[in-house]
Amino acid sequence: MSAHDLQQQQQQQQQVRDMRAADDVEEEEEEEEEEEDEQLQGEYAGDEYYGSDVSNESGTESMPWIAWFCSLGGHQYFAEVADDFVEDDFNLTGLNSIVPFYKEALEMILDLEPEEDSPKVPDVSIVEASAEQLYGLIHQRFIVTRQGLQQMADKYQAGHFGSCPRTYCQSTNVVPCGRYDLPGVETVKLYCPNCQDIYSPPSSRYHNLDGAYFGTTFAHMLFHIYPELVPNISNKIYTPAIYGFKISEYSRCGPRMQWLRNKQDPAALDASGRLIKDAKDNDEDDSK
């Protein structure tokens, strides 16, 4: 055998040895991946059905469910409901007939371990949706308590809810509200205490947030309990004009029912809410 043939044979043997080594490395990597998958499957198999994958990925395993829920994007309107409020059965009266998987949803909110005899839920997302609805309805009741009103008042003063889009309201802070107390009817609106009107949130992230989670009472209760939060802005109403001439109210394109935005001066009202001048006139007529 010539030296050239011997050299070629050695090169072929070396290539075979390299290929075998590469195969061995690939097999070892595959075995390691399989072992990791088995470990992960074992961990998930040991977890309860309501364990949140999102919290594990974000490194917030130790964060309570309520704090985690309120920290999600699009949930900035929510206040953190106190655990003792949620644990009081009186505060949850009637909700078990509205929320599906009520027991499992409540356990998720309170970070409780499920009972051994509790049935398994086929899909975690079902319980998560029920927990969101249940928390929203509990939130509706919590924010009209003294503790809840204080939290929302702080958020209002910090401008967490945004400002009124009406020009003459001069960026007055707004508060979330709903037009209905039952879920699934309408999304959340924003109430302006200056013009006393409601608007849709400007950000699309709140367009799917149920208005029932804030209810019809909270916004007005807030300014009744904290009257110092009511803005003191001069009442101005836009006057449409053409070439500087005011458009008549009788015109098709004229202003309509502007008196609805006219607010009376509180100093001109008596304790019953009547104008002092009208009250005096009525008293004089009665005396005659």
Protein backbone atom coordinates (compact mmCIF):
# COMPACT_ATOMS: atom_id res chain seq x y z
CA MET A 1 0.00 0.00 0.00
CA SER A 2 1.40 3.36 -1.01
CA ALA A 3 1.87 6.23 1.40
CA HIS A 4 -0.90 8.18 -0.35
CA ASP A 5 -3.43 5.37 0.14
CA LEU A 6 -2.41 5.01 3.77
CA GLN A 7 -2.96 8.71 4.36
CA GLN A 8 -6.45 8.58 2.81
CA GLN A 9 -7.37 5.58 4.96
CA GLN A 10 -6.28 7.43 8.12
CA GLN A 11 -8.33 10.46 7.14
CA GLN A 12 -11.44 8.31 6.58
CA GLN A 13 -10.97 6.65 9.99
CA GLN A 14 -10.63 10.07 11.62
CA GLN A 15 -13.84 11.26 9.95
CA VAL A 16 -15.68 8.20 11.23
CA ARG A 17 -14.40 8.83 14.76
CA ASP A 18 -15.52 12.51 14.55
CA MET A 19 -18.98 11.52 13.37
CA ARG A 20 -19.37 9.03 16.21
CA ALA A 21 -18.26 11.64 18.73
CA ALA A 22 -20.77 14.12 17.34
CA ASP A 23 -23.54 11.50 17.58
CA ASP A 24 -22.58 10.79 21.18
CA VAL A 25 -22.80 14.52 22.03
CA GLU A 26 -26.24 14.82 20.40
CA GLU A 27 -27.48 11.78 22.29
CA GLU A 28 -26.25 13.24 25.59
CA GLU A 29 -27.98 16.55 24.86
CA GLU A 30 -31.23 14.78 23.98
CA GLU A 31 -31.04 12.75 27.18
CA GLU A 32 -30.51 15.93 29.22
CA GLU A 33 -33.49 17.62 27.56
CA GLU A 34 -35.68 14.59 28.23
CA GLU A 35 -34.62 14.60 31.89
CA GLU A 36 -35.48 18.31 32.19
CA ASP A 37 -38.88 17.75 30.56
CA GLU A 38 -39.60 14.91 32.96
CA GLN A 39 -38.68 17.08 35.92
CA LEU A 40 -40.93 19.91 34.74
CA GLN A 41 -43.81 17.52 34.13
CA GLY A 42 -43.33 16.13 37.60
CA GLU A 43 -43.43 19.62 39.09
CA TYR A 44 -46.59 20.60 37.19
CA ALA A 45 -48.22 17.29 38.08
CA GLY A 46 -47.66 18.09 41.75
CA ASP A 47 -49.07 21.61 41.45
CA GLU A 48 -52.72 22.35 42.15
CA TYR A 49 -55.01 23.24 39.29
CA TYR A 50 -55.15 26.93 40.14
CA GLY A 51 -51.41 27.58 40.12
CA SER A 52 -50.68 30.53 37.85
CA ASP A 53 -48.15 29.90 35.06
CA VAL A 54 -47.94 33.63 34.50
CA SER A 55 -46.76 34.27 38.03
CA ASN A 56 -44.13 31.55 37.75
CA GLU A 57 -42.72 32.99 34.54
CA SER A 58 -42.61 36.54 35.89
CA GLY A 59 -40.96 35.48 39.13
CA THR A 60 -43.88 36.59 41.33
CA GLU A 61 -44.70 33.22 42.91
CA SER A 62 -44.73 34.75 46.39
CA MET A 63 -47.02 37.68 45.43
CA PRO A 64 -50.60 37.31 46.71
CA TRP A 65 -53.21 36.77 44.01
CA ILE A 66 -54.99 40.08 44.69
CA ALA A 67 -51.77 42.11 44.44
CA TRP A 68 -50.77 40.21 41.30
CA PHE A 69 -54.19 40.75 39.70
CA CYS A 70 -54.20 44.49 40.41
CA SER A 71 -50.68 44.83 38.97
CA LEU A 72 -51.68 43.45 35.56
CA GLY A 73 -51.93 45.79 32.59
CA GLY A 74 -55.38 47.33 32.28
CA HIS A 75 -56.19 46.74 35.96
CA GLN A 76 -54.90 50.07 37.29
CA TYR A 77 -58.45 51.16 38.11
CA PHE A 78 -58.77 48.44 40.76
CA ALA A 79 -58.13 48.90 44.45
CA GLU A 80 -56.63 46.04 46.46
CA VAL A 81 -59.45 44.52 48.45
CA ALA A 82 -58.46 43.59 52.00
CA ASP A 83 -58.33 39.86 52.75
CA ASP A 84 -60.55 40.18 55.81
CA PHE A 85 -63.24 41.78 53.63
CA VAL A 86 -63.12 38.84 51.20
CA GLU A 87 -63.12 36.30 54.04
CA ASP A 88 -66.33 37.75 55.54
CA ASP A 89 -69.22 35.71 54.10
CA PHE A 90 -71.63 38.58 54.70
CA ASN A 91 -69.80 40.70 52.12
CA LEU A 92 -70.17 37.93 49.52
CA THR A 93 -73.92 37.39 49.94
CA GLY A 94 -75.57 36.41 46.66
CA LEU A 95 -72.40 36.18 44.59
CA ASN A 96 -72.38 32.38 44.54
CA SER A 97 -75.48 32.46 42.31
CA ILE A 98 -73.80 34.81 39.81
CA VAL A 99 -70.25 33.50 39.50
CA PRO A 100 -69.64 29.98 38.12
CA PHE A 101 -67.15 27.81 40.02
CA TYR A 102 -67.63 30.18 42.94
CA LYS A 103 -65.83 28.04 45.52
CA GLU A 104 -62.79 27.42 43.34
CA ALA A 105 -62.61 31.10 42.33
CA LEU A 106 -62.73 32.20 45.97
CA GLU A 107 -59.94 29.78 46.86
CA MET A 108 -57.83 31.21 44.06
CA ILE A 109 -58.39 34.80 45.23
CA LEU A 110 -57.46 33.94 48.83
CA ASP A 111 -54.50 31.73 47.80
CA LEU A 112 -56.03 28.75 49.59
CA GLU A 113 -55.25 25.10 48.92
CA PRO A 114 -58.26 23.24 47.47
CA GLU A 115 -59.92 20.63 49.59
CA GLU A 116 -59.12 17.00 48.87
CA ASP A 117 -62.69 16.11 47.99
CA SER A 118 -63.13 19.12 45.68
CA PRO A 119 -63.64 18.14 42.04
CA LYS A 120 -60.93 18.92 39.55
CA VAL A 121 -61.68 21.65 37.05
CA PRO A 122 -60.95 20.60 33.45
CA ASP A 123 -59.40 23.93 32.43
CA VAL A 124 -57.53 26.45 34.60
CA SER A 125 -58.72 29.34 32.42
CA ILE A 126 -62.31 28.65 33.52
CA VAL A 127 -61.43 29.24 37.16
CA GLU A 128 -59.29 32.26 36.28
CA ALA A 129 -62.22 33.89 34.45
CA SER A 130 -64.52 33.16 37.38
CA ALA A 131 -61.96 34.55 39.84
CA GLU A 132 -61.72 37.78 37.83
CA GLN A 133 -65.50 38.18 37.80
CA LEU A 134 -65.82 37.34 41.48
CA TYR A 135 -63.08 39.78 42.46
CA GLY A 136 -64.70 42.48 40.34
CA LEU A 137 -68.06 42.07 42.08
CA ILE A 138 -66.39 41.99 45.50
CA HIS A 139 -64.48 45.12 44.45
CA GLN A 140 -67.78 46.86 43.64
CA ARG A 141 -68.86 46.35 47.28
CA PHE A 142 -65.48 47.11 48.81
CA ILE A 143 -64.99 50.55 47.24
CA VAL A 144 -68.11 51.94 48.93
CA THR A 145 -66.72 51.10 52.38
CA ARG A 146 -64.61 53.58 54.33
CA GLN A 147 -61.38 51.70 53.59
CA GLY A 148 -62.20 51.30 49.91
CA LEU A 149 -63.25 54.92 49.49
CA GLN A 150 -59.97 56.07 51.04
CA GLN A 151 -57.95 53.95 48.60
CA MET A 152 -59.89 55.24 45.61
CA ALA A 153 -59.70 58.84 46.87
CA ASP A 154 -55.92 58.53 46.98
CA LYS A 155 -55.87 57.14 43.44
CA TYR A 156 -58.19 59.95 42.29
CA GLN A 157 -55.97 62.66 43.76
CA ALA A 158 -52.90 61.04 42.17
CA GLY A 159 -54.63 61.12 38.76
CA HIS A 160 -54.54 57.34 38.24
CA PHE A 161 -57.86 57.36 36.42
CA GLY A 162 -57.05 60.12 33.93
CA SER A 163 -58.71 63.45 33.25
CA CYS A 164 -61.90 64.73 31.64
CA PRO A 165 -61.64 65.24 27.86
CA ARG A 166 -63.98 68.26 27.98
CA THR A 167 -62.05 71.47 27.37
CA TYR A 168 -63.89 73.62 29.90
CA CYS A 169 -63.29 71.07 32.66
CA GLN A 170 -59.59 71.99 32.53
CA SER A 171 -58.27 68.42 32.91
CA THR A 172 -60.35 67.63 35.97
CA ASN A 173 -59.55 64.18 37.35
CA VAL A 174 -62.16 61.49 36.70
CA VAL A 175 -63.18 58.28 38.49
CA PRO A 176 -64.33 54.94 37.02
CA CYS A 177 -67.99 54.06 37.23
CA GLY A 178 -70.55 51.74 35.72
CA ARG A 179 -74.08 52.31 34.49
CA TYR A 180 -75.19 48.88 35.69
CA ASP A 181 -74.50 46.77 38.77
CA LEU A 182 -74.76 43.40 37.03
CA PRO A 183 -71.80 42.08 35.01
CA GLY A 184 -71.78 41.54 31.28
CA VAL A 185 -73.94 44.53 30.35
CA GLU A 186 -71.55 47.41 29.64
CA THR A 187 -67.88 48.29 30.01
CA VAL A 188 -66.45 50.80 32.49
CA LYS A 189 -66.96 54.55 32.02
CA LEU A 190 -65.23 57.59 33.53
CA TYR A 191 -67.23 60.12 35.56
CA CYS A 192 -66.21 63.78 35.73
CA PRO A 193 -67.29 65.56 38.95
CA ASN A 194 -67.14 68.95 37.24
CA CYS A 195 -69.41 68.51 34.22
CA GLN A 196 -71.10 65.49 35.85
CA ASP A 197 -70.99 63.50 32.64
CA ILE A 198 -69.46 60.14 31.72
CA TYR A 199 -66.95 59.25 29.01
CA SER A 200 -65.32 56.15 27.58
CA PRO A 201 -61.71 55.51 28.67
CA PRO A 202 -59.26 56.80 26.04
CA SER A 203 -57.02 53.71 26.28
CA SER A 204 -58.22 50.53 24.57
CA ARG A 205 -56.83 48.40 27.41
CA TYR A 206 -59.86 49.37 29.51
CA HIS A 207 -62.47 48.80 26.80
CA ASN A 208 -63.06 45.22 27.97
CA LEU A 209 -63.23 46.07 31.68
CA ASP A 210 -66.73 45.48 33.04
CA GLY A 211 -68.43 48.55 34.46
CA ALA A 212 -70.17 46.43 37.11
CA TYR A 213 -66.82 46.06 38.88
CA PHE A 214 -67.24 49.72 39.95
CA GLY A 215 -71.02 49.95 40.03
CA THR A 216 -73.45 52.84 39.94
CA THR A 217 -72.94 54.07 43.51
CA PHE A 218 -69.20 54.50 44.05
CA ALA A 219 -68.49 57.64 41.99
CA HIS A 220 -71.22 59.68 43.69
CA MET A 221 -70.58 58.23 47.14
CA LEU A 222 -66.92 59.29 46.85
CA PHE A 223 -67.71 62.99 46.39
CA HIS A 224 -70.47 62.84 48.99
CA ILE A 225 -68.06 61.55 51.63
CA TYR A 226 -65.15 63.72 50.43
CA PRO A 227 -66.75 67.00 49.26
CA GLU A 228 -63.33 68.69 49.29
CA LEU A 229 -62.47 66.61 46.21
CA VAL A 230 -65.16 68.32 44.12
CA PRO A 231 -63.36 70.74 41.76
CA ASN A 232 -64.07 74.45 42.02
CA ILE A 233 -63.99 75.49 38.37
CA SER A 234 -66.01 78.30 36.85
CA ASN A 235 -68.92 76.97 34.85
CA LYS A 236 -68.39 77.65 31.16
CA ILE A 237 -70.42 76.34 28.24
CA TYR A 238 -69.32 76.44 24.64
CA THR A 239 -71.40 78.81 22.51
CA PRO A 240 -71.61 77.92 18.81
CA ALA A 241 -71.44 80.94 16.47
CA ILE A 242 -71.23 81.77 12.78
CA TYR A 243 -69.18 84.84 11.85
CA GLY A 244 -69.34 85.89 15.47
CA PHE A 245 -73.14 85.67 15.75
CA LYS A 246 -74.58 83.24 18.29
CA ILE A 247 -76.69 80.51 16.77
CA SER A 248 -80.27 80.52 17.99
CA GLU A 249 -81.50 77.64 20.11
CA TYR A 250 -84.41 77.34 17.70
CA SER A 251 -82.08 76.60 14.80
CA ARG A 252 -81.58 72.99 13.67
CA CYS A 253 -77.84 73.29 14.34
CA GLY A 254 -78.25 75.47 17.44
CA PRO A 255 -77.36 74.52 21.03
CA ARG A 256 -79.64 72.10 22.78
CA MET A 257 -80.60 72.01 26.49
CA GLN A 258 -77.58 73.92 27.71
CA TRP A 259 -79.32 74.44 31.03
CA LEU A 260 -78.42 70.85 31.89
CA ARG A 261 -74.79 71.93 32.33
CA ASN A 262 -75.66 75.02 34.37
CA LYS A 263 -74.71 74.41 38.00
CA GLN A 264 -76.16 76.48 40.80
CA ASP A 265 -73.89 78.23 43.24
CA PRO A 266 -73.98 76.22 46.51
CA ALA A 267 -74.19 79.50 48.44
CA ALA A 268 -77.48 80.26 46.68
CA LEU A 269 -79.11 77.03 47.88
CA ASP A 270 -80.72 76.32 51.23
CA ALA A 271 -80.44 73.09 53.24
CA SER A 272 -83.17 71.42 51.16
CA GLY A 273 -81.42 72.26 47.88
CA ARG A 274 -83.87 74.99 46.80
CA LEU A 275 -82.84 78.43 45.63
CA ILE A 276 -82.92 80.80 48.60
CA LYS A 277 -84.74 83.43 46.53
CA ASP A 278 -87.47 81.00 45.47
CA ALA A 279 -87.80 79.71 49.02
CA LYS A 280 -88.35 83.24 50.34
CA ASP A 281 -90.97 83.95 47.68
CA ASN A 282 -92.82 80.77 48.57
CA ASP A 283 -92.74 81.66 52.26
CA GLU A 284 -94.15 85.12 51.54
CA ASP A 285 -96.94 83.62 49.46
CA ASP A 286 -97.79 81.18 52.24
CA SER A 287 -97.89 84.00 54.81
CA LYS A 288 -100.42 85.88 52.70
